[in-house]
PDB file of N, CA and C in Angstrom:
ATOM      1  N   MET A   1      57.192  55.244 -76.560  1.00  0.00           N
ATOM      2  CA  MET A   1      57.373  54.267 -76.580  1.00  0.00           C
ATOM      3  C   MET A   1      57.402  54.118 -78.384  1.00  0.00           C
ATOM      4  N   GLU A   2      57.740  53.634 -79.183  1.00  0.00           N
ATOM      5  CA  GLU A   2      57.144  53.501 -81.037  1.00  0.00           C
ATOM      6  C   GLU A   2      56.255  52.316 -80.769  1.00  0.00           C
ATOM      7  N   ARG A   3      55.348  52.851 -81.851  1.00  0.00           N
ATOM      8  CA  ARG A   3      54.793  51.803 -81.762  1.00  0.00           C
ATOM      9  C   ARG A   3      54.665  51.071 -81.811  1.00  0.00           C
ATOM     10  N   GLU A   4      55.352  50.516 -82.653  1.00  0.00           N
ATOM     11  CA  GLU A   4      55.855  49.213 -82.598  1.00  0.00           C
ATOM     12  C   GLU A   4      56.889  47.980 -81.950  1.00  0.00           C
ATOM     13  N   GLU A   5      56.501  48.764 -80.683  1.00  0.00           N
ATOM     14  CA  GLU A   5      56.509  47.957 -79.102  1.00  0.00           C
ATOM     15  C   GLU A   5      55.508  47.752 -78.678  1.00  0.00           C
ATOM     16  N   LEU A   6      54.548  48.037 -79.657  1.00  0.00           N
ATOM     17  CA  LEU A   6      52.925  47.121 -78.341  1.00  0.00           C
ATOM     18  C   LEU A   6      52.883  46.205 -78.766  1.00  0.00           C
ATOM     19  N   ASP A   7      52.765  45.479 -77.782  1.00  0.00           N
ATOM     20  CA  ASP A   7      51.496  44.275 -78.354  1.00  0.00           C
ATOM     21  C   ASP A   7      50.775  44.381 -78.854  1.00  0.00           C
ATOM     22  N   GLU A   8      50.246  43.482 -80.098  1.00  0.00           N
ATOM     23  CA  GLU A   8      49.194  43.273 -81.194  1.00  0.00           C
ATOM     24  C   GLU A   8      47.781  42.787 -79.719  1.00  0.00           C
ATOM     25  N   ALA A   9      48.289  42.336 -79.776  1.00  0.00           N
ATOM     26  CA  ALA A   9      47.455  41.435 -78.548  1.00  0.00           C
ATOM     27  C   ALA A   9      46.205  42.245 -77.263  1.00  0.00           C
ATOM     28  N   THR A  10      46.575  43.309 -76.878  1.00  0.00           N
ATOM     29  CA  THR A  10      46.177  43.754 -76.173  1.00  0.00           C
ATOM     30  C   THR A  10      46.014  45.643 -76.929  1.00  0.00           C
ATOM     31  N   LEU A  11      45.633  45.254 -78.386  1.00  0.00           N
ATOM     32  CA  LEU A  11      44.856  46.619 -79.089  1.00  0.00           C
ATOM     33  C   LEU A  11      43.962  45.437 -79.629  1.00  0.00           C
ATOM     34  N   PRO A  12      42.608  46.563 -79.915  1.00  0.00           N
ATOM     35  CA  PRO A  12      42.006  46.369 -80.891  1.00  0.00           C
ATOM     36  C   PRO A  12      42.677  45.695 -82.129  1.00  0.00           C
ATOM     37  N   VAL A  13      42.043  45.123 -83.005  1.00  0.00           N
ATOM     38  CA  VAL A  13      42.281  44.612 -84.497  1.00  0.00           C
ATOM     39  C   VAL A  13      42.199  45.747 -85.610  1.00  0.00           C
ATOM     40  N   GLY A  14      43.337  46.376 -86.300  1.00  0.00           N
ATOM     41  CA  GLY A  14      43.320  47.412 -86.517  1.00  0.00           C
ATOM     42  C   GLY A  14      43.929  48.708 -86.229  1.00  0.00           C
ATOM     43  N   ALA A  15      43.997  49.141 -85.162  1.00  0.00           N
ATOM     44  CA  ALA A  15      44.278  49.902 -84.543  1.00  0.00           C
ATOM     45  C   ALA A  15      45.048  50.702 -83.983  1.00  0.00           C
ATOM     46  N   LYS A  16      46.668  49.689 -84.526  1.00  0.00           N
ATOM     47  CA  LYS A  16      47.924  49.651 -84.306  1.00  0.00           C
ATOM     48  C   LYS A  16      48.449  50.642 -85.358  1.00  0.00           C
ATOM     49  N   LYS A  17      47.861  50.321 -86.574  1.00  0.00           N
ATOM     50  CA  LYS A  17      48.183  50.653 -87.858  1.00  0.00           C
ATOM     51  C   LYS A  17      47.751  52.267 -87.412  1.00  0.00           C
ATOM     52  N   GLN A  18      46.812  52.923 -87.389  1.00  0.00           N
ATOM     53  CA  GLN A  18      46.154  54.252 -87.048  1.00  0.00           C
ATOM     54  C   GLN A  18      46.626  54.874 -85.870  1.00  0.00           C
ATOM     55  N   LEU A  19      47.478  54.828 -85.135  1.00  0.00           N
ATOM     56  CA  LEU A  19      48.548  55.537 -84.456  1.00  0.00           C
ATOM     57  C   LEU A  19      49.810  55.896 -84.635  1.00  0.00           C
ATOM     58  N   PRO A  20      49.960  57.578 -83.898  1.00  0.00           N
ATOM     59  CA  PRO A  20      50.862  57.505 -84.299  1.00  0.00           C
ATOM     60  C   PRO A  20      52.590  57.437 -83.689  1.00  0.00           C
ATOM     61  N   LYS A  21      54.123  57.903 -84.574  1.00  0.00           N
ATOM     62  CA  LYS A  21      55.165  56.758 -84.807  1.00  0.00           C
ATOM     63  C   LYS A  21      55.286  56.345 -82.963  1.00  0.00           C
ATOM     64  N   LEU A  22      55.117  57.418 -82.333  1.00  0.00           N
ATOM     65  CA  LEU A  22      55.300  57.142 -80.826  1.00  0.00           C
ATOM     66  C   LEU A  22      54.847  57.549 -80.148  1.00  0.00           C
ATOM     67  N   VAL A  23      54.212  57.312 -79.195  1.00  0.00           N
ATOM     68  CA  VAL A  23      52.689  57.511 -78.403  1.00  0.00           C
ATOM     69  C   VAL A  23      53.533  57.177 -76.089  1.00  0.00           C
ATOM     70  N   MET A  24      52.657  57.921 -76.092  1.00  0.00           N
ATOM     71  CA  MET A  24      53.000  57.576 -74.495  1.00  0.00           C
ATOM     72  C   MET A  24      52.187  56.474 -74.228  1.00  0.00           C
ATOM     73  N   THR A  25      52.162  55.880 -73.212  1.00  0.00           N
ATOM     74  CA  THR A  25      51.304  54.413 -72.900  1.00  0.00           C
ATOM     75  C   THR A  25      51.662  55.243 -70.781  1.00  0.00           C
ATOM     76  N   HIS A  26      50.029  54.923 -70.791  1.00  0.00           N
ATOM     77  CA  HIS A  26      49.519  55.549 -69.510  1.00  0.00           C
ATOM     78  C   HIS A  26      49.410  54.369 -68.586  1.00  0.00           C
ATOM     79  N   LEU A  27      48.816  53.917 -67.566  1.00  0.00           N
ATOM     80  CA  LEU A  27      48.739  52.202 -67.483  1.00  0.00           C
ATOM     81  C   LEU A  27      48.319  53.028 -66.077  1.00  0.00           C
ATOM     82  N   TYR A  28      46.953  51.954 -65.530  1.00  0.00           N
ATOM     83  CA  TYR A  28      46.372  51.987 -64.230  1.00  0.00           C
ATOM     84  C   TYR A  28      46.235  50.283 -64.017  1.00  0.00           C
ATOM     85  N   LEU A  29      46.265  49.825 -63.220  1.00  0.00           N
ATOM     86  CA  LEU A  29      45.641  48.634 -62.344  1.00  0.00           C
ATOM     87  C   LEU A  29      44.993  49.357 -61.502  1.00  0.00           C
ATOM     88  N   TYR A  30      43.433  48.392 -61.566  1.00  0.00           N
ATOM     89  CA  TYR A  30      42.182  47.749 -60.553  1.00  0.00           C
ATOM     90  C   TYR A  30      42.353  47.128 -60.270  1.00  0.00           C
ATOM     91  N   VAL A  31      42.412  46.683 -58.557  1.00  0.00           N
ATOM     92  CA  VAL A  31      41.486  45.122 -58.292  1.00  0.00           C
ATOM     93  C   VAL A  31      40.146  45.799 -57.054  1.00  0.00           C
ATOM     94  N   ASP A  32      39.178  44.877 -57.903  1.00  0.00           N
ATOM     95  CA  ASP A  32      37.691  45.261 -56.776  1.00  0.00           C
ATOM     96  C   ASP A  32      38.109  44.913 -55.783  1.00  0.00           C
ATOM     97  N   GLY A  33      37.229  44.342 -54.606  1.00  0.00           N
ATOM     98  CA  GLY A  33      36.637  44.215 -53.117  1.00  0.00           C
ATOM     99  C   GLY A  33      37.259  42.273 -53.586  1.00  0.00           C
ATOM    100  N   GLU A  34      36.900  41.687 -54.953  1.00  0.00           N
ATOM    101  CA  GLU A  34      36.735  40.437 -55.042  1.00  0.00           C
ATOM    102  C   GLU A  34      38.543  39.455 -56.107  1.00  0.00           C
ATOM    103  N   ALA A  35      39.286  40.405 -55.689  1.00  0.00           N
ATOM    104  CA  ALA A  35      40.717  40.316 -55.996  1.00  0.00           C
ATOM    105  C   ALA A  35      40.504  40.353 -57.571  1.00  0.00           C
ATOM    106  N   ASN A  36      39.830  40.324 -58.110  1.00  0.00           N
ATOM    107  CA  ASN A  36      39.459  40.533 -59.961  1.00  0.00           C
ATOM    108  C   ASN A  36      40.715  42.419 -60.199  1.00  0.00           C
ATOM    109  N   GLU A  37      41.159  41.224 -61.195  1.00  0.00           N
ATOM    110  CA  GLU A  37      42.352  42.001 -61.923  1.00  0.00           C
ATOM    111  C   GLU A  37      41.820  43.339 -63.466  1.00  0.00           C
ATOM    112  N   TYR A  38      41.776  45.056 -63.311  1.00  0.00           N
ATOM    113  CA  TYR A  38      41.676  45.355 -64.408  1.00  0.00           C
ATOM    114  C   TYR A  38      42.605  45.815 -64.672  1.00  0.00           C
ATOM    115  N   VAL A  39      43.170  45.495 -65.945  1.00  0.00           N
ATOM    116  CA  VAL A  39      44.225  46.933 -66.894  1.00  0.00           C
ATOM    117  C   VAL A  39      43.805  47.836 -67.477  1.00  0.00           C
ATOM    118  N   LEU A  40      43.776  49.001 -67.312  1.00  0.00           N
ATOM    119  CA  LEU A  40      43.936  49.964 -68.418  1.00  0.00           C
ATOM    120  C   LEU A  40      45.001  51.149 -69.147  1.00  0.00           C
ATOM    121  N   TYR A  41      44.670  51.127 -69.984  1.00  0.00           N
ATOM    122  CA  TYR A  41      46.036  52.051 -70.701  1.00  0.00           C
ATOM    123  C   TYR A  41      45.360  52.771 -71.682  1.00  0.00           C
ATOM    124  N   LEU A  42      45.856  53.823 -71.488  1.00  0.00           N
ATOM    125  CA  LEU A  42      45.209  55.037 -72.783  1.00  0.00           C
ATOM    126  C   LEU A  42      47.127  55.650 -73.031  1.00  0.00           C
ATOM    127  N   LEU A  43      46.613  55.769 -74.574  1.00  0.00           N
ATOM    128  CA  LEU A  43      47.899  55.988 -75.484  1.00  0.00           C
ATOM    129  C   LEU A  43      47.355  56.671 -76.361  1.00  0.00           C
ATOM    130  N   THR A  44      48.273  57.549 -76.266  1.00  0.00           N
ATOM    131  CA  THR A  44      47.454  59.275 -77.115  1.00  0.00           C
ATOM    132  C   THR A  44      49.781  59.878 -77.086  1.00  0.00           C
ATOM    133  N   ASP A  45      49.332  60.532 -78.497  1.00  0.00           N
ATOM    134  CA  ASP A  45      50.354  60.733 -78.968  1.00  0.00           C
ATOM    135  C   ASP A  45      52.090  61.774 -77.722  1.00  0.00           C
ATOM    136  N   VAL A  46      52.657  61.841 -78.468  1.00  0.00           N
ATOM    137  CA  VAL A  46      54.178  62.001 -77.882  1.00  0.00           C
ATOM    138  C   VAL A  46      53.859  63.403 -78.031  1.00  0.00           C
ATOM    139  N   THR A  47      53.365  64.011 -79.239  1.00  0.00           N
ATOM    140  CA  THR A  47      54.307  65.697 -79.728  1.00  0.00           C
ATOM    141  C   THR A  47      52.850  66.375 -78.734  1.00  0.00           C
ATOM    142  N   SER A  48      51.285  65.929 -79.262  1.00  0.00           N
ATOM    143  CA  SER A  48      50.393  66.820 -78.486  1.00  0.00           C
ATOM    144  C   SER A  48      49.809  66.003 -77.403  1.00  0.00           C
ATOM    145  N   GLN A  49      49.509  64.754 -76.756  1.00  0.00           N
ATOM    146  CA  GLN A  49      48.788  64.908 -75.947  1.00  0.00           C
ATOM    147  C   GLN A  49      47.370  64.363 -76.509  1.00  0.00           C
ATOM    148  N   GLN A  50      47.256  64.066 -77.406  1.00  0.00           N
ATOM    149  CA  GLN A  50      45.626  63.002 -77.947  1.00  0.00           C
ATOM    150  C   GLN A  50      45.899  61.879 -78.100  1.00  0.00           C
TER     151      GLN A  50
END
């Protein structure tokens, strides 16, 4: 996805402008025993995977 498609509300302040133009997004969802949901996004550079 392109950096501009990311929702700034899900990123730390100022982080979006530090990302490369194209990023690969990995999403992990975890629900604990008390039904609390946790969402983890990993963003990596499409070309370098870093």
